[in-house]
Amino acid sequence: MFYFFRFLKHITVSAWKNATPIQAALITAILFAIILILIISVVQAIVPFTYIAI
């Protein structure tokens, strides 16, 4: 789990070091959008199962 967070940090830092500011901002925004969609998807998948279990 922590490897994943270190990986995301590495991608973000590398993008800001090796890309232009506009490209780095775009890459960072896309990463945050993917993470947000992932969190929403996981919640939508888990919540119905918790209602069934109760």
PDB file of N, CA and C in Angstrom:
ATOM      1  N   MET A   1       0.826  -1.189   0.000  1.00  0.00           N
ATOM      2  CA  MET A   1       0.000   0.000   0.000  1.00  0.00           C
ATOM      3  C   MET A   1       0.870   1.251   0.000  1.00  0.00           C
ATOM      4  N   PHE A   2       1.890   1.251   0.845  1.00  0.00           N
ATOM      5  CA  PHE A   2       2.748   2.423   0.891  1.00  0.00           C
ATOM      6  C   PHE A   2       3.590   2.549  -0.369  1.00  0.00           C
ATOM      7  N   TYR A   3       3.862   1.414  -1.024  1.00  0.00           N
ATOM      8  CA  TYR A   3       4.593   1.475  -2.279  1.00  0.00           C
ATOM      9  C   TYR A   3       3.802   2.247  -3.328  1.00  0.00           C
ATOM     10  N   PHE A   4       2.490   2.082  -3.293  1.00  0.00           N
ATOM     11  CA  PHE A   4       1.638   2.788  -4.246  1.00  0.00           C
ATOM     12  C   PHE A   4       1.710   4.294  -4.019  1.00  0.00           C
ATOM     13  N   PHE A   5       1.658   4.719  -2.757  1.00  0.00           N
ATOM     14  CA  PHE A   5       1.743   6.147  -2.457  1.00  0.00           C
ATOM     15  C   PHE A   5       3.118   6.710  -2.804  1.00  0.00           C
ATOM     16  N   ARG A   6       4.168   5.919  -2.547  1.00  0.00           N
ATOM     17  CA  ARG A   6       5.505   6.372  -2.931  1.00  0.00           C
ATOM     18  C   ARG A   6       5.622   6.486  -4.449  1.00  0.00           C
ATOM     19  N   PHE A   7       4.986   5.554  -5.159  1.00  0.00           N
ATOM     20  CA  PHE A   7       4.985   5.584  -6.617  1.00  0.00           C
ATOM     21  C   PHE A   7       4.285   6.837  -7.143  1.00  0.00           C
ATOM     22  N   LEU A   8       3.119   7.165  -6.560  1.00  0.00           N
ATOM     23  CA  LEU A   8       2.408   8.375  -6.974  1.00  0.00           C
ATOM     24  C   LEU A   8       3.227   9.632  -6.683  1.00  0.00           C
ATOM     25  N   LYS A   9       3.875   9.649  -5.525  1.00  0.00           N
ATOM     26  CA  LYS A   9       4.721  10.800  -5.181  1.00  0.00           C
ATOM     27  C   LYS A   9       5.877  10.914  -6.165  1.00  0.00           C
ATOM     28  N   HIS A  10       6.478   9.778  -6.509  1.00  0.00           N
ATOM     29  CA  HIS A  10       7.593   9.781  -7.459  1.00  0.00           C
ATOM     30  C   HIS A  10       7.154  10.295  -8.830  1.00  0.00           C
ATOM     31  N   ILE A  11       5.997   9.854  -9.297  1.00  0.00           N
ATOM     32  CA  ILE A  11       5.496  10.318 -10.591  1.00  0.00           C
ATOM     33  C   ILE A  11       5.256  11.820 -10.564  1.00  0.00           C
ATOM     34  N   THR A  12       4.642  12.305  -9.491  1.00  0.00           N
ATOM     35  CA  THR A  12       4.341  13.733  -9.400  1.00  0.00           C
ATOM     36  C   THR A  12       5.611  14.563  -9.340  1.00  0.00           C
ATOM     37  N   VAL A  13       6.554  14.169  -8.502  1.00  0.00           N
ATOM     38  CA  VAL A  13       7.804  14.924  -8.372  1.00  0.00           C
ATOM     39  C   VAL A  13       8.588  14.879  -9.676  1.00  0.00           C
ATOM     40  N   SER A  14       8.628  13.724 -10.313  1.00  0.00           N
ATOM     41  CA  SER A  14       9.355  13.604 -11.579  1.00  0.00           C
ATOM     42  C   SER A  14       8.711  14.464 -12.668  1.00  0.00           C
ATOM     43  N   ALA A  15       7.404  14.505 -12.680  1.00  0.00           N
ATOM     44  CA  ALA A  15       6.720  15.323 -13.678  1.00  0.00           C
ATOM     45  C   ALA A  15       7.051  16.793 -13.473  1.00  0.00           C
ATOM     46  N   TRP A  16       7.086  17.243 -12.235  1.00  0.00           N
ATOM     47  CA  TRP A  16       7.375  18.655 -11.971  1.00  0.00           C
ATOM     48  C   TRP A  16       8.840  18.984 -12.235  1.00  0.00           C
ATOM     49  N   LYS A  17       9.741  17.999 -12.097  1.00  0.00           N
ATOM     50  CA  LYS A  17      11.160  18.260 -12.351  1.00  0.00           C
ATOM     51  C   LYS A  17      11.492  18.218 -13.838  1.00  0.00           C
ATOM     52  N   ASN A  18      10.870  17.294 -14.581  1.00  0.00           N
ATOM     53  CA  ASN A  18      11.300  17.009 -15.948  1.00  0.00           C
ATOM     54  C   ASN A  18      10.376  17.547 -17.033  1.00  0.00           C
ATOM     55  N   ALA A  19       9.295  18.198 -16.668  1.00  0.00           N
ATOM     56  CA  ALA A  19       8.350  18.688 -17.672  1.00  0.00           C
ATOM     57  C   ALA A  19       8.166  20.194 -17.487  1.00  0.00           C
ATOM     58  N   THR A  20       7.555  20.802 -18.484  1.00  0.00           N
ATOM     59  CA  THR A  20       7.220  22.218 -18.349  1.00  0.00           C
ATOM     60  C   THR A  20       6.104  22.345 -17.316  1.00  0.00           C
ATOM     61  N   PRO A  21       5.929  23.518 -16.740  1.00  0.00           N
ATOM     62  CA  PRO A  21       4.890  23.671 -15.708  1.00  0.00           C
ATOM     63  C   PRO A  21       3.487  23.317 -16.193  1.00  0.00           C
ATOM     64  N   ILE A  22       3.167  23.640 -17.435  1.00  0.00           N
ATOM     65  CA  ILE A  22       1.829  23.316 -17.954  1.00  0.00           C
ATOM     66  C   ILE A  22       1.668  21.805 -18.086  1.00  0.00           C
ATOM     67  N   GLN A  23       2.685  21.137 -18.604  1.00  0.00           N
ATOM     68  CA  GLN A  23       2.616  19.682 -18.726  1.00  0.00           C
ATOM     69  C   GLN A  23       2.539  19.024 -17.360  1.00  0.00           C
ATOM     70  N   ALA A  24       3.317  19.513 -16.418  1.00  0.00           N
ATOM     71  CA  ALA A  24       3.305  18.940 -15.070  1.00  0.00           C
ATOM     72  C   ALA A  24       1.952  19.149 -14.409  1.00  0.00           C
ATOM     73  N   ALA A  25       1.366  20.321 -14.585  1.00  0.00           N
ATOM     74  CA  ALA A  25       0.040  20.574 -14.007  1.00  0.00           C
ATOM     75  C   ALA A  25      -1.002  19.664 -14.645  1.00  0.00           C
ATOM     76  N   LEU A  26      -0.902  19.441 -15.942  1.00  0.00           N
ATOM     77  CA  LEU A  26      -1.840  18.560 -16.637  1.00  0.00           C
ATOM     78  C   LEU A  26      -1.699  17.117 -16.149  1.00  0.00           C
ATOM     79  N   ILE A  27      -0.472  16.649 -16.016  1.00  0.00           N
ATOM     80  CA  ILE A  27      -0.232  15.288 -15.526  1.00  0.00           C
ATOM     81  C   ILE A  27      -0.762  15.138 -14.105  1.00  0.00           C
ATOM     82  N   THR A  28      -0.505  16.128 -13.260  1.00  0.00           N
ATOM     83  CA  THR A  28      -0.978  16.075 -11.880  1.00  0.00           C
ATOM     84  C   THR A  28      -2.500  16.087 -11.823  1.00  0.00           C
ATOM     85  N   ALA A  29      -3.127  16.912 -12.643  1.00  0.00           N
ATOM     86  CA  ALA A  29      -4.591  16.971 -12.663  1.00  0.00           C
ATOM     87  C   ALA A  29      -5.184  15.642 -13.125  1.00  0.00           C
ATOM     88  N   ILE A  30      -4.583  15.023 -14.124  1.00  0.00           N
ATOM     89  CA  ILE A  30      -5.068  13.728 -14.603  1.00  0.00           C
ATOM     90  C   ILE A  30      -4.905  12.664 -13.520  1.00  0.00           C
ATOM     91  N   LEU A  31      -3.778  12.676 -12.808  1.00  0.00           N
ATOM     92  CA  LEU A  31      -3.577  11.720 -11.718  1.00  0.00           C
ATOM     93  C   LEU A  31      -4.627  11.893 -10.628  1.00  0.00           C
ATOM     94  N   PHE A  32      -4.904  13.135 -10.245  1.00  0.00           N
ATOM     95  CA  PHE A  32      -5.919  13.385  -9.218  1.00  0.00           C
ATOM     96  C   PHE A  32      -7.301  12.958  -9.698  1.00  0.00           C
ATOM     97  N   ALA A  33      -7.601  13.171 -10.973  1.00  0.00           N
ATOM     98  CA  ALA A  33      -8.894  12.746 -11.509  1.00  0.00           C
ATOM     99  C   ALA A  33      -9.016  11.224 -11.480  1.00  0.00           C
ATOM    100  N   ILE A  34      -7.952  10.532 -11.835  1.00  0.00           N
ATOM    101  CA  ILE A  34      -7.971   9.065 -11.802  1.00  0.00           C
ATOM    102  C   ILE A  34      -8.154   8.562 -10.378  1.00  0.00           C
ATOM    103  N   ILE A  35      -7.451   9.168  -9.426  1.00  0.00           N
ATOM    104  CA  ILE A  35      -7.584   8.762  -8.030  1.00  0.00           C
ATOM    105  C   ILE A  35      -9.000   9.015  -7.529  1.00  0.00           C
ATOM    106  N   LEU A  36      -9.578  10.145  -7.886  1.00  0.00           N
ATOM    107  CA  LEU A  36     -10.947  10.465  -7.469  1.00  0.00           C
ATOM    108  C   LEU A  36     -11.948   9.470  -8.049  1.00  0.00           C
ATOM    109  N   ILE A  37     -11.811   9.142  -9.325  1.00  0.00           N
ATOM    110  CA  ILE A  37     -12.692   8.155  -9.957  1.00  0.00           C
ATOM    111  C   ILE A  37     -12.513   6.789  -9.300  1.00  0.00           C
ATOM    112  N   LEU A  38     -11.277   6.435  -8.967  1.00  0.00           N
ATOM    113  CA  LEU A  38     -11.011   5.157  -8.304  1.00  0.00           C
ATOM    114  C   LEU A  38     -11.691   5.097  -6.939  1.00  0.00           C
ATOM    115  N   ILE A  39     -11.600   6.163  -6.165  1.00  0.00           N
ATOM    116  CA  ILE A  39     -12.235   6.182  -4.838  1.00  0.00           C
ATOM    117  C   ILE A  39     -13.747   6.075  -4.969  1.00  0.00           C
ATOM    118  N   ILE A  40     -14.335   6.820  -5.892  1.00  0.00           N
ATOM    119  CA  ILE A  40     -15.787   6.764  -6.090  1.00  0.00           C
ATOM    120  C   ILE A  40     -16.212   5.368  -6.530  1.00  0.00           C
ATOM    121  N   SER A  41     -15.458   4.750  -7.410  1.00  0.00           N
ATOM    122  CA  SER A  41     -15.797   3.409  -7.887  1.00  0.00           C
ATOM    123  C   SER A  41     -15.730   2.381  -6.764  1.00  0.00           C
ATOM    124  N   VAL A  42     -14.708   2.465  -5.931  1.00  0.00           N
ATOM    125  CA  VAL A  42     -14.571   1.523  -4.823  1.00  0.00           C
ATOM    126  C   VAL A  42     -15.728   1.689  -3.843  1.00  0.00           C
ATOM    127  N   VAL A  43     -16.094   2.921  -3.549  1.00  0.00           N
ATOM    128  CA  VAL A  43     -17.205   3.163  -2.629  1.00  0.00           C
ATOM    129  C   VAL A  43     -18.508   2.624  -3.222  1.00  0.00           C
ATOM    130  N   GLN A  44     -18.726   2.849  -4.512  1.00  0.00           N
ATOM    131  CA  GLN A  44     -19.945   2.348  -5.136  1.00  0.00           C
ATOM    132  C   GLN A  44     -19.979   0.830  -5.183  1.00  0.00           C
ATOM    133  N   ALA A  45     -18.847   0.190  -5.215  1.00  0.00           N
ATOM    134  CA  ALA A  45     -18.814  -1.268  -5.231  1.00  0.00           C
ATOM    135  C   ALA A  45     -18.972  -1.850  -3.833  1.00  0.00           C
ATOM    136  N   ILE A  46     -18.455  -1.171  -2.818  1.00  0.00           N
ATOM    137  CA  ILE A  46     -18.479  -1.720  -1.459  1.00  0.00           C
ATOM    138  C   ILE A  46     -19.806  -1.453  -0.755  1.00  0.00           C
ATOM    139  N   VAL A  47     -20.395  -0.282  -0.924  1.00  0.00           N
ATOM    140  CA  VAL A  47     -21.596   0.097  -0.178  1.00  0.00           C
ATOM    141  C   VAL A  47     -22.760  -0.868  -0.406  1.00  0.00           C
ATOM    142  N   PRO A  48     -23.087  -1.264  -1.622  1.00  0.00           N
ATOM    143  CA  PRO A  48     -24.208  -2.212  -1.772  1.00  0.00           C
ATOM    144  C   PRO A  48     -23.975  -3.538  -1.056  1.00  0.00           C
ATOM    145  N   PHE A  49     -22.739  -4.025  -1.022  1.00  0.00           N
ATOM    146  CA  PHE A  49     -22.466  -5.272  -0.338  1.00  0.00           C
ATOM    147  C   PHE A  49     -22.618  -5.145   1.166  1.00  0.00           C
ATOM    148  N   THR A  50     -22.330  -3.971   1.708  1.00  0.00           N
ATOM    149  CA  THR A  50     -22.515  -3.795   3.151  1.00  0.00           C
ATOM    150  C   THR A  50     -24.001  -3.776   3.487  1.00  0.00           C
ATOM    151  N   TYR A  51     -24.836  -3.218   2.615  1.00  0.00           N
ATOM    152  CA  TYR A  51     -26.272  -3.253   2.857  1.00  0.00           C
ATOM    153  C   TYR A  51     -26.819  -4.677   2.775  1.00  0.00           C
ATOM    154  N   ILE A  52     -26.297  -5.477   1.860  1.00  0.00           N
ATOM    155  CA  ILE A  52     -26.735  -6.872   1.740  1.00  0.00           C
ATOM    156  C   ILE A  52     -26.321  -7.656   2.974  1.00  0.00           C
ATOM    157  N   ALA A  53     -25.121  -7.399   3.472  1.00  0.00           N
ATOM    158  CA  ALA A  53     -24.615  -8.136   4.633  1.00  0.00           C
ATOM    159  C   ALA A  53     -25.389  -7.803   5.905  1.00  0.00           C
ATOM    160  N   ILE A  54     -25.885  -6.582   5.980  1.00  0.00           N
ATOM    161  CA  ILE A  54     -26.624  -6.173   7.187  1.00  0.00           C
ATOM    162  C   ILE A  54     -27.998  -6.794   7.120  1.00  0.00           C
TER     163      ILE A  54
END
